[in-house]
Protein backbone atom coordinates (compact mmCIF):
# COMPACT_ATOMS: atom_id res chain seq x y z
CA MET A 1 131.28 42.65 -13.80
CA THR A 2 128.64 45.57 -13.36
CA ASP A 3 126.23 43.01 -12.31
CA SER A 4 128.36 41.81 -9.37
CA LEU A 5 129.04 45.39 -8.20
CA ARG A 6 125.42 46.26 -7.95
CA LYS A 7 124.18 46.29 -4.40
CA GLN A 8 121.80 43.78 -3.21
CA PRO A 9 118.52 45.29 -1.80
CA THR A 10 118.19 45.34 1.87
CA ALA A 11 115.27 43.82 3.64
CA CYS A 12 113.62 47.21 4.06
CA ALA A 13 114.13 48.18 0.54
CA ALA A 14 112.48 44.88 -0.78
CA GLY A 15 109.42 45.65 1.14
CA GLN A 16 110.06 43.63 4.29
CA PRO A 17 109.49 45.39 7.76
CA SER A 18 112.63 46.27 9.81
CA GLY A 19 113.30 44.71 13.04
CA TRP A 20 112.09 47.74 14.86
CA ALA A 21 108.81 47.57 13.05
CA ILE A 22 108.46 43.97 13.90
CA ALA A 23 109.27 44.61 17.59
CA HIS A 24 106.73 47.34 17.71
CA ARG A 25 103.98 45.21 16.36
CA LEU A 26 105.05 42.45 18.64
CA LEU A 27 104.83 44.67 21.65
CA LEU A 28 101.55 46.19 20.53
CA ALA A 29 100.06 42.87 19.93
CA LEU A 30 101.15 41.44 23.36
CA LEU A 31 100.54 44.50 25.51
CA GLY A 32 97.64 46.13 23.67
CA GLY A 33 95.91 42.71 23.03
CA TYR A 34 96.21 42.00 26.78
CA ALA A 35 94.90 45.28 27.89
CA PHE A 36 91.98 45.14 25.43
CA THR A 37 91.17 41.62 26.56
CA TRP A 38 91.34 42.50 30.03
CA GLY A 39 88.97 45.18 29.60
CA PHE A 40 86.53 43.06 27.68
CA VAL A 41 86.49 40.29 30.32
CA SER A 42 86.20 42.64 33.19
CA LEU A 43 83.36 44.45 31.52
CA GLY A 44 81.63 41.32 30.49
CA VAL A 45 81.73 39.83 33.89
CA VAL A 46 80.41 42.93 35.52
CA LEU A 47 77.51 43.07 32.88
CA LEU A 48 76.78 39.36 33.19
CA SER A 49 76.68 39.63 36.98
CA TRP A 50 74.31 42.63 36.54
CA LEU A 51 72.14 40.36 34.56
CA GLN A 52 72.00 37.98 37.52
CA VAL A 53 74.29 35.45 36.06
CA ASP A 54 76.24 33.65 38.82
CA TYR A 55 79.65 35.33 39.21
CA HIS A 56 81.66 32.17 38.68
CA ASP A 57 79.65 31.23 35.58
CA ALA A 58 80.17 34.70 34.13
CA GLU A 59 83.90 34.68 34.90
CA HIS A 60 84.59 31.25 33.37
CA GLY A 61 82.55 32.03 30.17
CA MET A 62 84.32 35.39 29.71
CA LEU A 63 87.64 33.61 30.33
CA LEU A 64 86.99 31.17 27.73
CA LEU A 65 86.11 33.86 25.19
CA SER A 66 89.05 35.90 26.19
CA PHE A 67 91.48 33.22 24.55
CA LEU A 68 89.78 33.41 21.32
CA LEU A 69 89.70 37.33 21.51
CA TYR A 70 93.26 37.55 22.36
CA LEU A 71 94.36 35.26 19.61
CA ALA A 72 92.30 37.27 17.07
CA LEU A 73 93.73 40.49 18.26
CA PHE A 74 97.26 39.25 18.32
CA LEU A 75 96.93 38.14 14.69
CA TRP A 76 95.07 41.31 13.54
CA ALA A 77 97.88 43.40 14.98
CA PHE A 78 100.15 42.08 12.59
CA ALA A 79 97.70 41.79 9.66
CA ALA A 80 96.54 45.40 9.91
CA ALA A 81 97.94 47.80 7.37
CA SER A 82 98.05 50.67 9.93
CA THR A 83 99.70 50.35 13.43
CA ALA A 84 97.92 53.67 14.15
CA ARG A 85 94.59 51.99 13.73
CA VAL A 86 95.74 49.06 15.92
CA TRP A 87 96.86 51.44 18.62
CA LEU A 88 93.50 53.29 18.34
CA VAL A 89 91.32 50.13 18.61
CA LEU A 90 93.41 48.24 21.21
CA GLY A 91 94.44 51.21 23.35
CA GLY A 92 91.12 53.13 22.90
CA GLY A 93 89.12 50.05 23.73
CA ALA A 94 91.21 49.26 26.83
CA VAL A 95 90.87 52.97 28.03
CA VAL A 96 87.14 52.85 27.58
CA MET A 97 86.37 49.45 28.77
CA ILE A 98 88.45 49.10 31.86
CA PRO A 99 87.20 52.36 33.74
CA ALA A 100 83.76 51.56 32.53
CA ALA A 101 83.83 48.07 34.25
CA LEU A 102 85.38 49.63 37.43
CA GLN A 103 82.55 52.09 37.65
CA LEU A 104 79.76 49.60 36.96
CA GLN A 105 81.33 47.33 39.51
CA LYS A 106 81.20 50.14 41.96
CA LEU A 107 77.66 50.79 41.26
CA LEU A 108 76.75 47.08 41.59
CA LEU A 109 78.57 46.67 44.95
CA SER A 110 76.96 49.79 46.45
């Protein structure tokens, strides 16, 4: 009878992430991965254009790479042990690459 009265472990107590933790990682993977990929593509297109690669060739090449990059970042956001590290890499990378691409673009067009 004592066995039937014991509480079954909850999902959180059994080492499984809570619903909020999964939602947080999902949002981080979707939005953070998108922002990082956007920064990567925009910086790559600007740099390739600076190297005299045709704009449309640079754009298409970077967009093809972006699918692989986004998939890898999405999967990594769930596999990483620390969400702080994921925030730092995805958020920090986006914050650095997007303004850098915009400034380089302004320099190339002036």
